Amino acid sequence: MAVTESAEATADGPYNYSGMTLGLRAFAWAIVCGTFAFLINVYLNFWQGWPGAGMATSGGGGRAAAQLLIYASAILAPIALVMRSKEKSLREEGVTLDQIARYIIRAAFWMALFVGMVDMVISFLRVEGFLASFVGDSLTTQLGRSQFRGTYVHIPLIVLSLVVAAFTRTLGFTWLALLVVVAELLIVITRFIFSYEQAFMGDLVRFWYAGLFLFASAYTLAEEGHVRVDVLYAGFQQKTRGLVNVIGSIFLGISLCWVIIVLGMGGKSSIITSPLLTFEVSQSGFGMYVKYLMASFLAIFAVSMMIQFAGYMLEAYADYRGDPGNRKLESAPAH
């Protein structure tokens, strides 16, 4: 998404902000901060055994009060941030949110790459009986336990992914498409030429394939690449389109992402939280131990889309206002 820089956006003088622009900026940041506040509290509730913010007034003690404070900060901090930077334009704020979403996507790509490659190697050595020769019988047994492999192999690789994403600029999922093709090609070659196939080979394709579609969604939104039923929209003026996009972002996009996050992570038995808590794996014997991470892909999808919708909303309202520096897409929108 190409957006003009702030100097160009404010070439005619200080940015012409209003109560509505300040409110929308605060709302956008509250959405982002609220999402991360919810994720932090999910971790505290289900991994650390904290009582939950709802217990702050029911004998939950200092931990419950701290959790409630996290939510309060997610509301107050955006307001304070916006009031200290009133002249920051909607488009500038949209770019900032876009950069956050892109960082999450980059980190997710490196996570899928590192974890996929390392877990595939471990699974191959284990199924062929070579692993003990490299790491010993005791560690081989431990690597056969999903909790051990997830904690001592996957989590360090995830941390490495976060670091690498901070120093790279490629979004990565474009390369993920090539990796999916290569992995599928290897299955075809080994199956039909060498009559060799193991469960981990199909697991790797599914792991990368899921990441490809879920990680790319936020970028596709930024580039207007999602299919839009535009029987009426195509004939709208820029101002009307901006208003439609603001309403759609709030009531269709952001609300959907919140539904996914809340229903998927609201309880121990929820569809995202449960696999993560138990390091759930498939029942394919010596396959890869990444099924629980595939559940986390849905959370990554919802969070990245949530942030992207927040920035898209600000961009759309800037279009409605007629602010300069509207987005210049590299390709025509998909319809």
Foldseek 3Di string as FASTA:
>chain_A
DDWDDPCVLQVVHFAPFDPVLLVLQLVLQLLLQQLVLVVVQLCCCQVVPQPDLVCPVPPSPDSNVVSVVSNVCSNVVSNVVCVVCVRRALLNSLVVLLVVLLLLLQLLLQLLVQQLVVLLVLLVCLVVVNVCVPVHDVVNVQCLALVSCCVPPSVVSSVVSSVVSVVDRDSNLVVLVVVLVVLVVVQVCCCPPVVDDAQQSVVSNVSSVLSSVLSCVLVCVVQLADADPPPPVVPDDLLVNLVVLLVCLPPPQLVVLVCCCCQQSVDCPHVLNVCVSRLDADPRRSYGSCPNVSSVSSNSSSSSSNSSSSSSNSLSVCSNVVRPGRDDHPDDHHD
